[in-house]
């Protein structure tokens, strides 16, 4: 075993403290969803944050959702991936009860909007989610009814194409414009650049907290995701590539780490295929059973009995009985005639 180095331990401890600070505020807001209690934290510590962002144009991100407690408190972001499913970060919903969550779609202004609310009925976290290391930090939320799609509300597609160093991604979410600053109600957006895995890990002192399931981004110092932008989507050419996981707060010149969606494609696919259409299946069997009995029994039984019994029985009796009986009676008649002649002859001779 390689002995632990004190400097490395100090750096890892420093990173752990910073990321824990990032997490604590999101968890404080999520606590309301877990316990349905009013948590006494300042509003700026309970909302998503995109430092250095700007108001997003309307309909820039129709896939964007606001994950809220039943009291309407926004605490995480996410994205619509199907009519009954949204995707977010596991640490947003860890320990939460589905019935304590609601999802807002089609909104850009959290206070003044015409969006629709949907309620969660199931939470599926990655089975290998590791907190506080934020490995496999991805989760799916199943909704109690289908999302109504329109020009403001749409599902986002996945992007499986490999990214190149410097590729631009679009990050969206709600929150303060700076750490502890003002809380904007409008959806914020920021363009960030993709950072290759090796460079990202090196920037974080080769910490194992950056693993192959992560996708890293960076912008100028003073711009980037911050604690609470958790679960928010990052897209490339309009397709989903990652979900916000963690970063050193806040926009201090280090790459941010996000859950790489393509890495978790099997988890997403198997979850959706196993649960997506369960509520709709009972409708189909109700239509099929009445149709099959009406068609098959009506056609088959009448045809077979009419053909076979009608042809075979009449042929055999007509041939054999017609030949044999006609010959034998004629012979017997001749014999009787001979007997009559013998009687007449014997009678005449006796006379």
Protein backbone atom coordinates (compact mmCIF):
# COMPACT_ATOMS: atom_id res chain seq x y z
CA UNK A 1 0.00 0.00 0.00
CA UNK A 2 1.15 3.51 -0.76
CA UNK A 3 1.44 5.44 2.50
CA UNK A 4 -0.84 8.44 2.92
CA UNK A 5 0.80 11.82 2.52
CA UNK A 6 -0.14 14.51 4.97
CA UNK A 7 -0.32 17.23 2.30
CA UNK A 8 -2.62 15.09 0.21
CA UNK A 9 -4.80 14.43 3.22
CA UNK A 10 -5.06 18.13 3.99
CA UNK A 11 -6.06 18.89 0.40
CA UNK A 12 -8.62 16.11 0.35
CA UNK A 13 -10.00 17.28 3.69
CA UNK A 14 -10.22 20.84 2.36
CA UNK A 15 -12.09 19.60 -0.72
CA UNK A 16 -14.41 17.54 1.46
CA UNK A 17 -15.22 20.56 3.63
CA UNK A 18 -15.94 22.72 0.60
CA UNK A 19 -18.15 20.15 -1.11
CA UNK A 20 -19.93 19.43 2.16
CA UNK A 21 -20.62 23.17 2.38
CA UNK A 22 -22.03 22.96 -1.13
CA UNK A 23 -24.25 20.08 -0.12
CA UNK A 24 -25.55 21.31 3.21
CA UNK A 25 -27.72 24.08 1.81
CA UNK A 26 -29.33 21.88 -0.83
CA UNK A 27 -29.93 19.23 1.84
CA UNK A 28 -31.46 21.86 4.11
CA UNK A 29 -34.03 22.68 1.45
CA UNK A 30 -34.57 19.02 0.66
CA UNK A 31 -35.23 18.42 4.36
CA UNK A 32 -38.56 20.13 3.92
CA UNK A 33 -39.47 17.50 1.34
CA UNK A 34 -38.29 14.75 3.67
CA UNK A 35 -40.04 15.93 6.82
CA UNK A 36 -42.44 18.55 5.44
CA UNK A 37 -41.12 21.00 8.05
CA UNK A 38 -40.35 24.68 7.67
CA UNK A 39 -36.56 24.95 7.68
CA UNK A 40 -35.26 28.26 8.98
CA UNK A 41 -32.52 28.99 6.47
CA UNK A 42 -32.11 32.19 4.45
CA UNK A 43 -33.70 31.88 0.98
CA UNK A 44 -30.37 32.35 -0.78
CA UNK A 45 -29.15 29.11 0.77
CA UNK A 46 -32.04 27.02 -0.49
CA UNK A 47 -32.11 27.73 -4.21
CA UNK A 48 -30.17 26.80 -7.30
CA UNK A 49 -27.22 29.01 -8.17
CA UNK A 50 -25.56 29.89 -11.45
CA UNK A 51 -22.85 32.40 -10.68
CA UNK A 52 -22.27 34.91 -13.45
CA UNK A 53 -25.26 33.76 -15.49
CA UNK A 54 -27.96 35.80 -17.19
CA UNK A 55 -31.71 35.59 -17.73
CA UNK A 56 -32.50 32.77 -20.12
CA UNK A 57 -34.49 33.53 -23.30
CA UNK A 58 -38.01 32.15 -23.20
CA UNK A 59 -38.23 28.58 -24.48
CA UNK A 60 -34.45 28.13 -24.31
CA UNK A 61 -34.87 25.07 -22.10
CA UNK A 62 -38.42 23.62 -22.33
CA UNK A 63 -37.07 20.47 -20.68
CA UNK A 64 -36.07 22.32 -17.48
CA UNK A 65 -37.95 21.46 -14.28
CA UNK A 66 -38.02 22.88 -10.78
CA UNK A 67 -37.98 20.25 -8.05
CA UNK A 68 -39.94 21.56 -5.07
CA UNK A 69 -41.34 20.61 -1.70
CA UNK A 70 -45.11 20.52 -1.30
CA UNK A 71 -44.92 24.06 0.08
CA UNK A 72 -43.49 25.29 -3.21
CA UNK A 73 -39.89 25.63 -2.11
CA UNK A 74 -37.48 25.14 -5.00
CA UNK A 75 -34.35 23.20 -4.04
CA UNK A 76 -33.03 21.41 -7.15
CA UNK A 77 -33.20 21.34 -10.92
CA UNK A 78 -33.71 18.54 -13.38
CA UNK A 79 -34.85 17.70 -16.89
CA UNK A 80 -37.82 16.02 -18.57
CA UNK A 81 -36.75 12.86 -20.40
CA UNK A 82 -40.17 11.31 -21.02
CA UNK A 83 -43.85 11.99 -20.41
CA UNK A 84 -43.73 10.29 -16.99
CA UNK A 85 -40.06 10.71 -16.00
CA UNK A 86 -37.69 13.48 -14.96
CA UNK A 87 -33.99 13.13 -14.19
CA UNK A 88 -32.01 14.85 -11.43
CA UNK A 89 -29.16 14.26 -8.97
CA UNK A 90 -29.42 11.57 -6.30
CA UNK A 91 -28.30 13.89 -3.52
CA UNK A 92 -31.36 16.04 -4.27
CA UNK A 93 -33.76 13.24 -3.35
CA UNK A 94 -31.74 11.06 -0.95
CA UNK A 95 -34.04 10.20 1.94
CA UNK A 96 -36.99 12.07 0.45
CA UNK A 97 -40.47 10.58 0.25
CA UNK A 98 -42.08 10.70 -3.22
CA UNK A 99 -45.36 12.02 -1.84
CA UNK A 100 -43.49 15.04 -0.44
CA UNK A 101 -42.17 16.17 -3.84
CA UNK A 102 -43.67 18.06 -6.73
CA UNK A 103 -42.29 19.02 -10.13
CA UNK A 104 -42.91 22.31 -11.93
CA UNK A 105 -42.70 22.28 -15.74
CA UNK A 106 -42.99 24.96 -18.40
CA UNK A 107 -41.89 27.83 -16.15
CA UNK A 108 -39.22 30.51 -16.52
CA UNK A 109 -40.33 32.78 -13.71
CA UNK A 110 -40.88 30.87 -10.48
CA UNK A 111 -43.37 33.41 -9.12
CA UNK A 112 -45.27 34.42 -12.23
CA UNK A 113 -45.78 31.49 -14.56
CA UNK A 114 -48.35 29.37 -16.38
CA UNK A 115 -46.47 26.13 -15.82
CA UNK A 116 -48.01 22.91 -14.52
CA UNK A 117 -47.31 20.92 -11.38
CA UNK A 118 -46.92 17.15 -11.23
CA UNK A 119 -46.44 14.97 -8.19
CA UNK A 120 -43.87 12.23 -7.72
CA UNK A 121 -45.01 8.69 -7.00
CA UNK A 122 -41.64 6.93 -7.21
CA UNK A 123 -37.96 7.80 -6.82
CA UNK A 124 -35.27 5.58 -8.38
CA UNK A 125 -31.76 6.40 -7.19
CA UNK A 126 -28.69 4.74 -8.67
CA UNK A 127 -27.97 1.67 -6.55
CA UNK A 128 -24.28 2.63 -6.20
CA UNK A 129 -24.82 6.26 -5.24
CA UNK A 130 -22.12 7.34 -2.82
CA UNK A 131 -22.59 10.38 -0.60
CA UNK A 132 -20.56 12.51 0.13
CA UNK A 133 -18.24 11.49 -2.73
CA UNK A 134 -21.02 12.15 -5.27
CA UNK A 135 -20.27 9.03 -7.30
CA UNK A 136 -23.21 7.77 -9.38
CA UNK A 137 -25.09 10.90 -8.34
CA UNK A 138 -28.09 10.44 -10.61
CA UNK A 139 -31.76 9.67 -9.97
CA UNK A 140 -35.05 9.30 -11.83
CA UNK A 141 -38.43 10.51 -10.60
CA UNK A 142 -41.64 8.90 -11.87
CA UNK A 143 -44.67 11.20 -11.98
CA UNK A 144 -48.26 10.43 -11.05
CA UNK A 145 -49.55 11.42 -14.50
CA UNK A 146 -48.28 12.15 -17.99
CA UNK A 147 -46.74 15.55 -18.68
CA UNK A 148 -48.69 17.73 -21.08
CA UNK A 149 -46.24 18.74 -23.80
CA UNK A 150 -46.47 22.07 -25.63
CA UNK A 151 -44.12 24.74 -26.97
CA UNK A 152 -42.99 25.55 -23.40
CA UNK A 153 -42.71 21.96 -22.16
CA UNK A 154 -40.77 19.25 -24.00
CA UNK A 155 -38.58 16.23 -23.31
CA UNK A 156 -34.87 16.47 -24.02
CA UNK A 157 -32.93 13.90 -26.04
CA UNK A 158 -29.64 12.32 -24.91
CA UNK A 159 -26.34 13.08 -26.60
CA UNK A 160 -24.05 10.05 -26.83
CA UNK A 161 -21.42 11.67 -29.07
CA UNK A 162 -17.99 12.14 -27.43
CA UNK A 163 -17.13 15.73 -26.53
CA UNK A 164 -13.93 17.52 -27.48
CA UNK A 165 -11.84 19.83 -25.36
CA UNK A 166 -13.42 23.27 -25.46
CA UNK A 167 -16.88 22.17 -26.65
CA UNK A 168 -19.52 24.57 -25.34
CA UNK A 169 -22.36 23.37 -23.10
CA UNK A 170 -25.39 25.30 -21.89
CA UNK A 171 -26.21 25.21 -18.18
CA UNK A 172 -29.62 26.35 -16.88
CA UNK A 173 -31.13 26.75 -13.43
CA UNK A 174 -32.63 29.14 -10.88
CA UNK A 175 -30.73 30.88 -8.12
CA UNK A 176 -28.50 33.64 -6.90
CA UNK A 177 -26.15 35.50 -9.19
CA UNK A 178 -23.38 35.18 -6.60
CA UNK A 179 -22.72 33.25 -3.41
CA UNK A 180 -25.12 34.58 -0.80
CA UNK A 181 -26.41 37.19 -3.22
CA UNK A 182 -29.74 38.10 -4.73
CA UNK A 183 -32.23 35.38 -5.64
CA UNK A 184 -33.54 35.92 -9.19
CA UNK A 185 -36.88 34.43 -10.10
CA UNK A 186 -36.03 34.12 -13.79
CA UNK A 187 -34.33 31.03 -15.16
CA UNK A 188 -30.59 31.64 -15.48
CA UNK A 189 -28.28 30.37 -18.20
CA UNK A 190 -24.53 30.17 -18.65
CA UNK A 191 -22.30 28.79 -21.41
CA UNK A 192 -19.44 26.65 -20.07
CA UNK A 193 -16.67 24.67 -21.75
CA UNK A 194 -15.97 20.96 -21.58
CA UNK A 195 -12.80 19.91 -19.74
CA UNK A 196 -11.28 16.44 -20.43
CA UNK A 197 -11.20 13.96 -17.56
CA UNK A 198 -7.44 13.99 -16.90
CA UNK A 199 -7.25 17.77 -16.80
CA UNK A 200 -10.25 17.95 -14.49
CA UNK A 201 -8.84 15.44 -12.03
CA UNK A 202 -5.46 17.17 -12.07
CA UNK A 203 -7.14 20.50 -11.31
CA UNK A 204 -8.65 18.84 -8.22
CA UNK A 205 -5.28 17.49 -7.04
CA UNK A 206 -5.95 14.09 -8.61
CA UNK A 207 -8.80 13.51 -6.21
CA UNK A 208 -10.75 10.29 -6.74
CA UNK A 209 -13.88 12.35 -6.24
CA UNK A 210 -13.58 12.99 -9.97
CA UNK A 211 -14.30 9.60 -11.56
CA UNK A 212 -15.13 8.28 -15.03
CA UNK A 213 -18.82 8.88 -14.45
CA UNK A 214 -18.20 12.61 -14.25
CA UNK A 215 -18.10 15.24 -16.97
CA UNK A 216 -16.29 18.46 -16.12
CA UNK A 217 -16.85 22.02 -17.28
CA UNK A 218 -15.16 25.35 -16.73
CA UNK A 219 -15.63 29.01 -17.50
CA UNK A 220 -13.82 32.15 -16.43
CA UNK A 221 -13.24 32.63 -12.74
CA UNK A 222 -16.41 34.06 -11.28
CA UNK A 223 -18.66 32.08 -13.59
CA UNK A 224 -19.99 28.56 -13.11
CA UNK A 225 -22.31 26.31 -11.16
CA UNK A 226 -22.47 26.63 -7.40
CA UNK A 227 -23.89 24.70 -4.47
CA UNK A 228 -27.56 24.08 -5.07
CA UNK A 229 -27.54 24.10 -8.86
CA UNK A 230 -27.82 20.37 -8.25
CA UNK A 231 -29.59 18.16 -10.76
CA UNK A 232 -29.68 20.96 -13.32
CA UNK A 233 -29.20 19.98 -16.98
CA UNK A 234 -26.23 20.70 -19.23
CA UNK A 235 -26.88 20.36 -22.95
CA UNK A 236 -24.72 20.25 -26.06
CA UNK A 237 -26.38 21.19 -29.34
CA UNK A 238 -29.75 20.92 -27.61
CA UNK A 239 -29.14 17.39 -26.25
CA UNK A 240 -28.63 16.39 -22.62
CA UNK A 241 -25.05 15.46 -21.70
CA UNK A 242 -24.83 15.91 -17.92
CA UNK A 243 -26.47 16.85 -14.60
CA UNK A 244 -24.89 19.21 -12.09
CA UNK A 245 -23.25 17.29 -9.21
CA UNK A 246 -20.64 19.30 -7.31
CA UNK A 247 -17.92 21.93 -7.45
CA UNK A 248 -15.74 24.06 -5.21
CA UNK A 249 -17.97 26.97 -4.21
CA UNK A 250 -18.41 29.09 -5.95
CA UNK A 251 -16.88 29.77 -9.38
CA UNK A 252 -13.43 30.01 -7.77
CA UNK A 253 -11.52 28.90 -10.85
CA UNK A 254 -11.88 25.11 -10.57
CA UNK A 255 -13.78 22.84 -12.98
CA UNK A 256 -17.26 21.76 -11.90
CA UNK A 257 -18.10 18.04 -11.93
CA UNK A 258 -21.36 16.71 -13.36
CA UNK A 259 -22.93 13.27 -13.84
CA UNK A 260 -22.23 12.16 -17.42
CA UNK A 261 -25.60 10.99 -18.80
CA UNK A 262 -24.13 8.69 -21.48
CA UNK A 263 -22.23 6.78 -18.76
CA UNK A 264 -25.55 5.99 -17.05
CA UNK A 265 -27.51 5.18 -20.19
CA UNK A 266 -28.13 1.54 -19.16
CA UNK A 267 -29.46 2.64 -15.77
CA UNK A 268 -31.82 5.10 -17.44
CA UNK A 269 -32.95 2.69 -20.18
CA UNK A 270 -33.65 -0.26 -17.89
CA UNK A 271 -35.51 1.91 -15.38
CA UNK A 272 -37.76 3.48 -18.00
CA UNK A 273 -38.42 0.27 -19.94
CA UNK A 274 -39.33 -1.59 -16.76
CA UNK A 275 -41.74 0.96 -15.32
CA UNK A 276 -42.78 3.47 -17.95
CA UNK A 277 -45.99 1.91 -19.31
CA UNK A 278 -47.24 -0.14 -16.40
CA UNK A 279 -50.33 2.03 -15.76
CA UNK A 280 -51.37 1.90 -19.44
CA UNK A 281 -51.13 -1.85 -20.09
CA UNK A 282 -54.46 -2.92 -18.49
CA UNK A 283 -56.37 -0.92 -21.12
CA UNK A 284 -55.25 -3.06 -24.08
CA UNK A 285 -56.35 -6.53 -22.86
CA UNK A 286 -59.87 -5.17 -22.38
CA UNK A 287 -60.24 -4.62 -26.14
CA UNK A 288 -58.80 -7.87 -27.50
CA UNK A 289 -60.77 -10.69 -25.76
CA UNK A 290 -64.21 -9.84 -27.21
CA UNK A 291 -62.96 -9.77 -30.79
CA UNK A 292 -61.32 -13.20 -30.99
CA UNK A 293 -64.26 -15.35 -29.77
CA UNK A 294 -66.66 -13.66 -32.19
CA UNK A 295 -64.65 -14.35 -35.33
CA UNK A 296 -63.18 -17.85 -34.98
CA UNK A 297 -66.10 -19.85 -33.51
CA UNK A 298 -68.53 -18.36 -36.04
CA UNK A 299 -66.59 -19.44 -39.14
CA UNK A 300 -65.02 -22.82 -38.44
CA UNK A 301 -67.77 -25.08 -36.95
CA UNK A 302 -70.38 -24.73 -39.74
CA UNK A 303 -68.02 -25.43 -42.66
CA UNK A 304 -66.43 -28.73 -41.64
CA UNK A 305 -69.60 -30.73 -40.78
CA UNK A 306 -71.35 -29.71 -44.03
CA UNK A 307 -68.64 -30.94 -46.37
CA UNK A 308 -67.44 -34.31 -45.06
CA UNK A 309 -70.67 -35.99 -43.86
CA UNK A 310 -72.57 -34.94 -47.01
CA UNK A 311 -70.18 -36.55 -49.54
CA UNK A 312 -68.90 -39.82 -48.11
CA UNK A 313 -71.96 -41.71 -46.74
CA UNK A 314 -74.12 -41.64 -49.89
CA UNK A 315 -71.45 -43.02 -52.26
CA UNK A 316 -70.64 -46.37 -50.63
CA UNK A 317 -74.22 -47.64 -50.06
CA UNK A 318 -75.28 -46.79 -53.64
CA UNK A 319 -72.64 -48.94 -55.33
CA UNK A 320 -72.47 -52.21 -53.34
CA UNK A 321 -76.16 -52.81 -52.49
CA UNK A 322 -77.21 -52.01 -56.08
CA UNK A 323 -75.15 -54.83 -57.68
CA UNK A 324 -75.41 -57.86 -55.44
CA UNK A 325 -79.11 -57.95 -54.49
CA UNK A 326 -80.28 -57.54 -58.11
CA UNK A 327 -78.59 -60.74 -59.31
CA UNK A 328 -79.51 -63.11 -56.51
CA UNK A 329 -83.31 -62.60 -56.61
CA UNK A 330 -83.32 -63.37 -60.32
CA UNK A 331 -81.68 -66.77 -59.73
CA UNK A 332 -84.06 -67.66 -56.98
CA UNK A 333 -86.99 -66.81 -59.24
CA UNK A 334 -85.66 -69.13 -61.91
CA UNK A 335 -85.37 -71.94 -59.38
CA UNK A 336 -88.94 -71.42 -58.25
CA UNK A 337 -90.06 -71.53 -61.89
CA UNK A 338 -88.26 -74.82 -62.38
CA UNK A 339 -89.97 -76.20 -59.31
CA UNK A 340 -93.37 -75.16 -60.69
CA UNK A 341 -92.59 -76.88 -63.96
CA UNK A 342 -91.60 -80.05 -62.13
CA UNK A 343 -94.87 -79.98 -60.24
CA UNK A 344 -96.86 -79.58 -63.44
CA UNK A 345 -94.94 -82.38 -65.11
CA UNK A 346 -95.44 -84.74 -62.21
CA UNK A 347 -99.11 -83.90 -62.09
CA UNK A 348 -99.62 -84.61 -65.76
CA UNK A 349 -97.79 -87.90 -65.57
CA UNK A 350 -99.86 -89.08 -62.67
CA UNK A 351 -102.99 -88.25 -64.56
